[in-house]
N, C-alpha and C. Protein backbone atom coordinates (compact mmCIF):
# COMPACT_ATOMS: atom_id res chain seq x y z
N MET A 1 179.36 112.33 128.28
CA MET A 1 178.71 111.11 128.71
C MET A 1 178.72 110.92 130.23
N PRO A 2 179.82 111.26 130.95
CA PRO A 2 179.82 111.10 132.40
C PRO A 2 178.74 111.94 133.07
N ARG A 3 178.43 113.11 132.52
CA ARG A 3 177.39 113.96 133.11
C ARG A 3 176.03 113.28 133.02
N ALA A 4 175.72 112.65 131.90
CA ALA A 4 174.46 111.94 131.73
C ALA A 4 174.35 110.79 132.73
N GLN A 5 175.44 110.11 132.99
CA GLN A 5 175.43 109.02 133.94
C GLN A 5 175.17 109.54 135.36
N ALA A 6 175.71 110.68 135.68
CA ALA A 6 175.50 111.28 137.00
C ALA A 6 174.03 111.66 137.19
N VAL A 7 173.42 112.20 136.15
CA VAL A 7 172.01 112.57 136.21
C VAL A 7 171.16 111.32 136.40
N LEU A 8 171.45 110.28 135.64
CA LEU A 8 170.71 109.03 135.75
C LEU A 8 170.90 108.39 137.12
N GLN A 9 172.03 108.59 137.72
CA GLN A 9 172.29 108.03 139.04
C GLN A 9 171.41 108.69 140.10
N TRP A 10 171.19 109.98 140.00
CA TRP A 10 170.40 110.73 140.98
C TRP A 10 168.92 110.79 140.65
N LEU A 11 168.53 110.40 139.46
CA LEU A 11 167.13 110.48 139.04
C LEU A 11 166.18 109.68 139.93
N PRO A 12 166.47 108.44 140.30
CA PRO A 12 165.55 107.72 141.19
C PRO A 12 165.33 108.42 142.53
N LEU A 13 166.38 108.96 143.10
CA LEU A 13 166.26 109.68 144.36
C LEU A 13 165.40 110.93 144.21
N LEU A 14 165.60 111.65 143.12
CA LEU A 14 164.79 112.84 142.85
C LEU A 14 163.31 112.48 142.69
N LEU A 15 163.03 111.43 141.97
CA LEU A 15 161.64 111.00 141.79
C LEU A 15 161.00 110.58 143.10
N LEU A 16 161.77 109.90 143.94
CA LEU A 16 161.26 109.50 145.25
C LEU A 16 160.94 110.72 146.10
N MET A 17 161.80 111.71 146.07
CA MET A 17 161.56 112.94 146.84
C MET A 17 160.32 113.67 146.33
N LEU A 18 160.13 113.72 145.03
CA LEU A 18 158.96 114.37 144.46
C LEU A 18 157.68 113.65 144.85
N ALA A 19 157.73 112.33 144.93
CA ALA A 19 156.56 111.55 145.31
C ALA A 19 156.14 111.81 146.75
N LYS A 20 157.07 112.22 147.59
CA LYS A 20 156.78 112.46 149.00
C LYS A 20 156.30 113.87 149.30
N LEU A 21 156.29 114.76 148.32
CA LEU A 21 155.81 116.12 148.54
C LEU A 21 154.32 116.10 148.85
N PRO A 22 153.84 117.04 149.68
CA PRO A 22 152.41 117.10 149.98
C PRO A 22 151.60 117.33 148.71
N ARG A 23 150.50 116.61 148.63
CA ARG A 23 149.61 116.76 147.48
C ARG A 23 148.38 117.56 147.88
N PRO A 24 147.71 118.16 146.91
CA PRO A 24 146.47 118.86 147.24
C PRO A 24 145.42 117.88 147.76
N SER A 25 144.45 118.41 148.45
CA SER A 25 143.39 117.60 149.02
C SER A 25 142.62 116.85 147.93
N ASN A 26 142.18 115.63 148.27
CA ASN A 26 141.36 114.85 147.36
C ASN A 26 139.90 115.21 147.48
N GLY A 27 139.53 115.93 148.51
CA GLY A 27 138.13 116.25 148.75
C GLY A 27 137.86 117.73 148.64
N ASP A 28 136.63 118.08 148.97
CA ASP A 28 136.22 119.48 149.01
C ASP A 28 136.31 119.98 150.44
N VAL A 29 136.42 121.27 150.60
CA VAL A 29 136.48 121.88 151.92
C VAL A 29 135.32 122.83 152.05
N SER A 30 134.60 122.73 153.16
CA SER A 30 133.46 123.60 153.41
C SER A 30 133.15 123.60 154.91
N THR A 31 131.89 123.86 155.26
CA THR A 31 131.48 123.92 156.66
C THR A 31 130.35 122.94 156.93
N ALA A 32 130.22 122.59 158.20
CA ALA A 32 129.12 121.71 158.63
C ALA A 32 128.57 122.21 159.95
N ALA A 33 127.29 122.06 160.11
CA ALA A 33 126.59 122.36 161.36
C ALA A 33 126.05 121.03 161.89
N GLN A 34 125.28 121.10 162.97
CA GLN A 34 124.63 119.89 163.49
C GLN A 34 123.16 120.17 163.74
N TYR A 35 122.37 119.10 163.79
CA TYR A 35 120.98 119.24 164.15
C TYR A 35 120.55 118.07 165.02
N ALA A 36 119.49 118.30 165.80
CA ALA A 36 119.02 117.33 166.78
C ALA A 36 117.68 116.73 166.34
N PRO A 37 117.27 115.63 166.96
CA PRO A 37 115.94 115.07 166.65
C PRO A 37 114.84 116.08 166.96
N PRO A 38 113.69 115.96 166.35
CA PRO A 38 113.27 114.89 165.45
C PRO A 38 113.88 115.08 164.05
N TYR A 39 114.14 113.97 163.38
CA TYR A 39 114.74 114.01 162.06
C TYR A 39 113.73 113.72 160.94
N THR A 40 112.55 113.26 161.28
CA THR A 40 111.55 112.94 160.25
C THR A 40 110.37 113.88 160.37
N PRO A 41 109.68 114.11 159.25
CA PRO A 41 109.93 113.57 157.91
C PRO A 41 111.11 114.27 157.24
N THR A 42 111.73 113.59 156.29
CA THR A 42 112.85 114.17 155.55
C THR A 42 112.43 114.48 154.13
N ALA A 43 113.20 115.37 153.51
CA ALA A 43 112.92 115.74 152.11
C ALA A 43 113.22 114.59 151.16
N CYS A 44 114.08 113.68 151.55
CA CYS A 44 114.46 112.57 150.67
C CYS A 44 113.53 111.37 150.77
N TYR A 45 113.20 110.96 151.99
CA TYR A 45 112.50 109.69 152.17
C TYR A 45 111.28 109.76 153.08
N GLY A 46 110.82 110.98 153.40
CA GLY A 46 109.62 111.11 154.23
C GLY A 46 109.80 110.51 155.61
N ASN A 47 108.87 109.64 156.00
CA ASN A 47 108.88 109.03 157.34
C ASN A 47 109.48 107.63 157.37
N ASP A 48 110.09 107.18 156.29
CA ASP A 48 110.65 105.83 156.21
C ASP A 48 111.81 105.67 157.20
N PRO A 49 111.65 104.82 158.22
CA PRO A 49 112.72 104.67 159.21
C PRO A 49 113.98 103.99 158.67
N SER A 50 113.86 103.27 157.57
CA SER A 50 115.04 102.57 157.02
C SER A 50 116.02 103.51 156.33
N GLN A 51 115.65 104.79 156.20
CA GLN A 51 116.55 105.76 155.57
C GLN A 51 117.77 106.06 156.42
N PHE A 52 117.68 105.82 157.71
CA PHE A 52 118.76 106.18 158.62
C PHE A 52 119.72 105.01 158.81
N PRO A 53 121.02 105.24 158.63
CA PRO A 53 122.00 104.17 158.87
C PRO A 53 121.93 103.71 160.32
N SER A 54 122.22 102.47 160.57
CA SER A 54 122.12 101.93 161.93
C SER A 54 123.08 102.62 162.90
N ASN A 55 124.15 103.21 162.39
CA ASN A 55 125.11 103.90 163.26
C ASN A 55 124.74 105.37 163.49
N ASN A 56 123.62 105.82 162.94
CA ASN A 56 123.13 107.20 163.09
C ASN A 56 124.08 108.25 162.54
N GLN A 57 124.91 107.88 161.61
CA GLN A 57 125.80 108.85 160.96
C GLN A 57 125.18 109.25 159.62
N PHE A 58 124.40 110.32 159.67
CA PHE A 58 123.71 110.82 158.48
C PHE A 58 123.73 112.33 158.52
N ALA A 59 123.25 112.94 157.44
CA ALA A 59 123.28 114.40 157.36
C ALA A 59 122.19 114.91 156.43
N ALA A 60 121.92 116.19 156.57
CA ALA A 60 121.08 116.91 155.63
C ALA A 60 122.02 117.72 154.73
N ALA A 61 121.72 117.76 153.47
CA ALA A 61 122.56 118.49 152.51
C ALA A 61 122.20 119.97 152.52
N GLY A 62 123.22 120.80 152.46
CA GLY A 62 123.01 122.23 152.28
C GLY A 62 122.92 122.53 150.79
N ASP A 63 122.66 123.78 150.46
CA ASP A 63 122.53 124.17 149.05
C ASP A 63 123.76 123.82 148.22
N GLU A 64 124.95 123.85 148.83
CA GLU A 64 126.20 123.60 148.13
C GLU A 64 126.26 122.20 147.49
N ILE A 65 125.63 121.22 148.13
CA ILE A 65 125.69 119.84 147.59
C ILE A 65 124.32 119.25 147.28
N TRP A 66 123.23 119.98 147.52
CA TRP A 66 121.88 119.44 147.37
C TRP A 66 121.59 118.98 145.94
N ASP A 67 121.97 119.75 144.96
CA ASP A 67 121.84 119.35 143.55
C ASP A 67 120.40 118.98 143.18
N ASN A 68 119.46 119.83 143.58
CA ASN A 68 118.03 119.61 143.29
C ASN A 68 117.53 118.24 143.71
N GLY A 69 118.03 117.75 144.83
CA GLY A 69 117.59 116.46 145.37
C GLY A 69 118.42 115.27 144.95
N ALA A 70 119.34 115.46 144.01
CA ALA A 70 120.19 114.34 143.57
C ALA A 70 121.13 113.88 144.68
N ALA A 71 121.31 114.69 145.71
CA ALA A 71 122.18 114.31 146.82
C ALA A 71 121.57 113.22 147.71
N CYS A 72 120.27 113.02 147.63
CA CYS A 72 119.62 112.02 148.47
C CYS A 72 120.26 110.65 148.28
N GLY A 73 120.67 110.06 149.40
CA GLY A 73 121.28 108.73 149.36
C GLY A 73 122.78 108.73 149.15
N ARG A 74 123.34 109.85 148.71
CA ARG A 74 124.80 109.90 148.53
C ARG A 74 125.50 109.69 149.87
N GLN A 75 126.67 109.09 149.78
CA GLN A 75 127.47 108.90 150.98
C GLN A 75 128.76 109.70 150.83
N TYR A 76 129.16 110.31 151.92
CA TYR A 76 130.36 111.14 151.94
C TYR A 76 131.25 110.71 153.09
N LEU A 77 132.54 110.80 152.86
CA LEU A 77 133.53 110.66 153.91
C LEU A 77 133.82 112.07 154.40
N VAL A 78 133.75 112.28 155.70
CA VAL A 78 133.84 113.62 156.27
C VAL A 78 134.81 113.61 157.45
N ARG A 79 135.64 114.65 157.52
CA ARG A 79 136.50 114.83 158.68
C ARG A 79 136.55 116.30 159.02
N CYS A 80 136.74 116.58 160.28
CA CYS A 80 136.84 117.95 160.79
C CYS A 80 138.28 118.43 160.60
N ILE A 81 138.45 119.62 160.02
CA ILE A 81 139.79 120.17 159.84
C ILE A 81 140.05 121.39 160.73
N SER A 82 139.00 122.06 161.18
CA SER A 82 139.13 123.13 162.16
C SER A 82 137.73 123.46 162.67
N ALA A 83 137.70 124.15 163.80
CA ALA A 83 136.41 124.44 164.42
C ALA A 83 136.34 125.90 164.86
N SER A 84 135.14 126.31 165.22
CA SER A 84 134.91 127.69 165.64
C SER A 84 135.44 127.94 167.05
N GLU A 85 135.89 126.90 167.71
CA GLU A 85 136.48 127.05 169.04
C GLU A 85 137.74 126.18 169.13
N PRO A 86 138.68 126.54 170.01
CA PRO A 86 139.92 125.76 170.13
C PRO A 86 139.64 124.30 170.50
N TYR A 87 140.44 123.41 169.96
CA TYR A 87 140.33 121.98 170.23
C TYR A 87 138.95 121.42 169.88
N GLY A 88 138.34 121.98 168.88
CA GLY A 88 136.99 121.57 168.49
C GLY A 88 136.93 120.30 167.68
N CYS A 89 138.02 119.95 167.00
CA CYS A 89 138.04 118.74 166.17
C CYS A 89 138.59 117.55 166.94
N VAL A 90 138.06 116.38 166.62
CA VAL A 90 138.62 115.13 167.12
C VAL A 90 139.61 114.67 166.06
N ILE A 91 140.88 114.78 166.37
CA ILE A 91 141.95 114.49 165.41
C ILE A 91 141.92 113.02 165.00
N GLY A 92 142.05 112.79 163.71
CA GLY A 92 142.15 111.44 163.19
C GLY A 92 140.83 110.73 162.96
N GLN A 93 139.72 111.37 163.24
CA GLN A 93 138.41 110.74 163.04
C GLN A 93 137.83 111.09 161.69
N THR A 94 137.42 110.10 160.95
CA THR A 94 136.71 110.27 159.69
C THR A 94 135.44 109.46 159.78
N ILE A 95 134.35 110.03 159.32
CA ILE A 95 133.07 109.31 159.34
C ILE A 95 132.54 109.18 157.92
N GLN A 96 131.67 108.24 157.74
CA GLN A 96 130.94 108.10 156.48
C GLN A 96 129.48 108.41 156.79
N ILE A 97 128.95 109.41 156.11
CA ILE A 97 127.56 109.80 156.36
C ILE A 97 126.74 109.57 155.10
N ARG A 98 125.44 109.51 155.29
CA ARG A 98 124.49 109.35 154.19
C ARG A 98 123.56 110.55 154.20
N ILE A 99 123.33 111.14 153.04
CA ILE A 99 122.42 112.29 152.93
C ILE A 99 120.98 111.78 152.93
N VAL A 100 120.20 112.28 153.90
CA VAL A 100 118.80 111.86 154.02
C VAL A 100 117.81 113.03 153.96
N ASP A 101 118.32 114.27 153.94
CA ASP A 101 117.42 115.41 154.03
C ASP A 101 118.05 116.64 153.38
N TYR A 102 117.26 117.69 153.30
CA TYR A 102 117.69 118.98 152.78
C TYR A 102 117.75 119.95 153.96
N GLY A 103 118.93 120.42 154.29
CA GLY A 103 119.14 121.25 155.48
C GLY A 103 118.21 122.43 155.65
N PRO A 104 118.01 123.27 154.62
CA PRO A 104 117.15 124.45 154.81
C PRO A 104 115.69 124.13 155.14
N THR A 105 115.23 122.92 154.84
CA THR A 105 113.83 122.58 155.14
C THR A 105 113.71 121.48 156.19
N ALA A 106 114.80 121.12 156.85
CA ALA A 106 114.77 120.06 157.85
C ALA A 106 113.83 120.42 158.99
N VAL A 107 113.21 119.40 159.58
CA VAL A 107 112.26 119.60 160.68
C VAL A 107 112.93 120.32 161.85
N SER A 108 114.13 119.90 162.19
CA SER A 108 114.89 120.55 163.26
C SER A 108 115.87 121.56 162.66
N PRO A 109 115.95 122.74 163.23
CA PRO A 109 116.87 123.75 162.67
C PRO A 109 118.33 123.39 162.94
N PRO A 110 119.21 123.72 162.00
CA PRO A 110 120.64 123.48 162.21
C PRO A 110 121.21 124.47 163.23
N SER A 111 122.37 124.12 163.79
CA SER A 111 123.02 125.01 164.76
C SER A 111 123.44 126.32 164.11
N ILE A 112 123.66 126.31 162.81
CA ILE A 112 123.95 127.52 162.02
C ILE A 112 123.52 127.23 160.59
N SER A 113 122.99 128.21 159.91
CA SER A 113 122.50 127.98 158.55
C SER A 113 123.59 128.30 157.51
N GLY A 114 123.38 127.81 156.30
CA GLY A 114 124.27 128.12 155.19
C GLY A 114 125.48 127.22 155.05
N THR A 115 125.48 126.07 155.71
CA THR A 115 126.61 125.15 155.62
C THR A 115 126.38 124.12 154.51
N ALA A 116 127.44 123.46 154.10
CA ALA A 116 127.34 122.43 153.06
C ALA A 116 126.59 121.21 153.58
N MET A 117 126.78 120.89 154.85
CA MET A 117 126.14 119.73 155.47
C MET A 117 125.65 120.09 156.86
N VAL A 118 124.57 119.44 157.26
CA VAL A 118 124.08 119.53 158.63
C VAL A 118 124.11 118.09 159.15
N LEU A 119 125.07 117.82 160.02
CA LEU A 119 125.29 116.46 160.52
C LEU A 119 124.36 116.12 161.67
N SER A 120 123.97 114.86 161.77
CA SER A 120 123.22 114.41 162.94
C SER A 120 124.08 114.63 164.17
N GLN A 121 123.45 114.68 165.34
CA GLN A 121 124.22 114.88 166.57
C GLN A 121 125.27 113.80 166.74
N THR A 122 124.93 112.57 166.42
CA THR A 122 125.87 111.46 166.56
C THR A 122 127.08 111.66 165.65
N ALA A 123 126.83 111.95 164.39
CA ALA A 123 127.92 112.13 163.42
C ALA A 123 128.81 113.29 163.82
N PHE A 124 128.21 114.41 164.18
CA PHE A 124 128.97 115.60 164.57
C PHE A 124 129.84 115.30 165.78
N GLY A 125 129.28 114.61 166.77
CA GLY A 125 129.99 114.31 168.00
C GLY A 125 131.17 113.37 167.84
N ILE A 126 131.20 112.61 166.76
CA ILE A 126 132.32 111.70 166.52
C ILE A 126 133.55 112.46 166.01
N ILE A 127 133.33 113.50 165.21
CA ILE A 127 134.47 114.21 164.61
C ILE A 127 134.76 115.57 165.24
N ALA A 128 133.86 116.04 166.12
CA ALA A 128 134.06 117.38 166.70
C ALA A 128 133.44 117.47 168.09
N ASN A 129 133.85 118.50 168.80
CA ASN A 129 133.26 118.81 170.10
C ASN A 129 131.83 119.27 169.85
N SER A 130 130.87 118.62 170.47
CA SER A 130 129.46 118.92 170.18
C SER A 130 129.02 120.32 170.61
N SER A 131 129.86 121.02 171.38
CA SER A 131 129.50 122.39 171.77
C SER A 131 129.84 123.41 170.69
N ALA A 132 130.60 123.01 169.68
CA ALA A 132 130.94 123.93 168.58
C ALA A 132 129.70 124.15 167.71
N PRO A 133 129.38 125.40 167.37
CA PRO A 133 128.20 125.64 166.52
C PRO A 133 128.40 125.17 165.08
N PHE A 134 129.65 125.22 164.60
CA PHE A 134 129.94 124.73 163.26
C PHE A 134 131.40 124.35 163.18
N ILE A 135 131.74 123.58 162.15
CA ILE A 135 133.13 123.16 161.93
C ILE A 135 133.47 123.30 160.46
N ASN A 136 134.74 123.38 160.18
CA ASN A 136 135.24 123.32 158.81
C ASN A 136 135.57 121.87 158.52
N ILE A 137 135.13 121.40 157.38
CA ILE A 137 135.29 119.99 157.07
C ILE A 137 135.97 119.78 155.72
N GLU A 138 136.56 118.61 155.59
CA GLU A 138 136.98 118.11 154.29
C GLU A 138 136.04 116.94 154.02
N PHE A 139 135.44 116.92 152.84
CA PHE A 139 134.53 115.82 152.53
C PHE A 139 134.76 115.33 151.12
N GLN A 140 134.44 114.06 150.94
CA GLN A 140 134.66 113.41 149.66
C GLN A 140 133.47 112.51 149.37
N HIS A 141 132.88 112.66 148.18
CA HIS A 141 131.78 111.79 147.77
C HIS A 141 132.31 110.37 147.66
N ASN A 142 131.69 109.46 148.36
CA ASN A 142 132.14 108.07 148.39
C ASN A 142 131.36 107.28 147.35
N ILE A 143 131.79 107.36 146.10
CA ILE A 143 131.06 106.70 145.02
C ILE A 143 131.23 105.18 145.04
N LEU A 144 132.20 104.67 145.79
CA LEU A 144 132.41 103.23 145.85
C LEU A 144 131.51 102.55 146.87
N SER A 145 130.82 103.33 147.69
CA SER A 145 130.01 102.74 148.74
C SER A 145 128.76 102.11 148.15
N ILE A 146 128.56 100.85 148.45
CA ILE A 146 127.35 100.16 148.02
C ILE A 146 126.53 99.72 149.22
N ASN A 147 127.01 100.04 150.41
CA ASN A 147 126.37 99.64 151.64
C ASN A 147 125.41 100.74 152.08
N ARG A 148 124.12 100.47 152.08
CA ARG A 148 123.13 101.49 152.46
C ARG A 148 123.25 101.88 153.92
N SER A 149 123.75 100.99 154.76
CA SER A 149 123.80 101.29 156.19
C SER A 149 124.85 102.33 156.54
N GLY A 150 125.88 102.49 155.72
CA GLY A 150 126.90 103.48 156.01
C GLY A 150 127.82 103.09 157.14
N ASP A 151 127.85 101.79 157.50
CA ASP A 151 128.62 101.35 158.64
C ASP A 151 130.10 101.12 158.37
N ASN A 152 130.51 101.06 157.12
CA ASN A 152 131.90 100.73 156.87
C ASN A 152 132.62 101.86 156.14
N LEU A 153 133.87 102.07 156.51
CA LEU A 153 134.71 103.05 155.83
C LEU A 153 135.68 102.29 154.94
N PRO A 154 135.88 102.75 153.72
CA PRO A 154 136.89 102.12 152.88
C PRO A 154 138.26 102.27 153.52
N ARG A 155 139.06 101.24 153.45
CA ARG A 155 140.37 101.28 154.09
C ARG A 155 141.32 102.22 153.38
N ASN A 156 141.06 102.55 152.13
CA ASN A 156 142.00 103.37 151.37
C ASN A 156 141.75 104.87 151.52
N PHE A 157 140.78 105.30 152.34
CA PHE A 157 140.53 106.72 152.49
C PHE A 157 141.51 107.31 153.47
N ALA A 158 142.38 108.13 152.98
CA ALA A 158 143.35 108.83 153.81
C ALA A 158 143.42 110.27 153.35
N PRO A 159 142.57 111.14 153.92
CA PRO A 159 142.57 112.52 153.48
C PRO A 159 143.93 113.17 153.71
N THR A 160 144.29 114.04 152.80
CA THR A 160 145.56 114.73 152.94
C THR A 160 145.40 115.91 153.87
N PRO A 161 146.43 116.28 154.58
CA PRO A 161 146.33 117.43 155.48
C PRO A 161 146.02 118.70 154.72
N CYS A 162 145.15 119.51 155.30
CA CYS A 162 144.80 120.80 154.67
C CYS A 162 145.50 121.91 155.43
N ARG A 163 145.91 122.87 154.69
CA ARG A 163 146.50 124.07 155.33
C ARG A 163 145.40 125.12 155.42
N VAL A 164 145.09 125.52 156.64
CA VAL A 164 144.04 126.51 156.84
C VAL A 164 144.62 127.81 157.29
């Protein structure tokens, strides 16, 4: 019986330690490029100017997330985890972007092809050094977003550190 009491005494501490262990990422990891104006017409909304969030944080979807056009209007939380050049990421910055186009057919060519997302110059510049041709990103579909403008980030989004 004394052994069982000793185990029960240490159990809360053990559970607390387990809770503090690093967890796997909540999002997906892939790459992103950037593209410059002109941004219209888009594959999702044509020439409609209201498709763009007022903060200019939007993107074109690559084949990885395009889903035959179902990606149009989706919002993602995106952060830079590494870049093609040293000090390419802006540490601690997360953006919320809205998908408005299809990268492979966008009017303006991306800085590099074959990425999951092609971010607007504004969006890319917030999370990375704009001279980087591409970045590695962690992204998460923001299904709770009901704001078309894309101006607000949920307070509970805290991406876990990725080991690269």
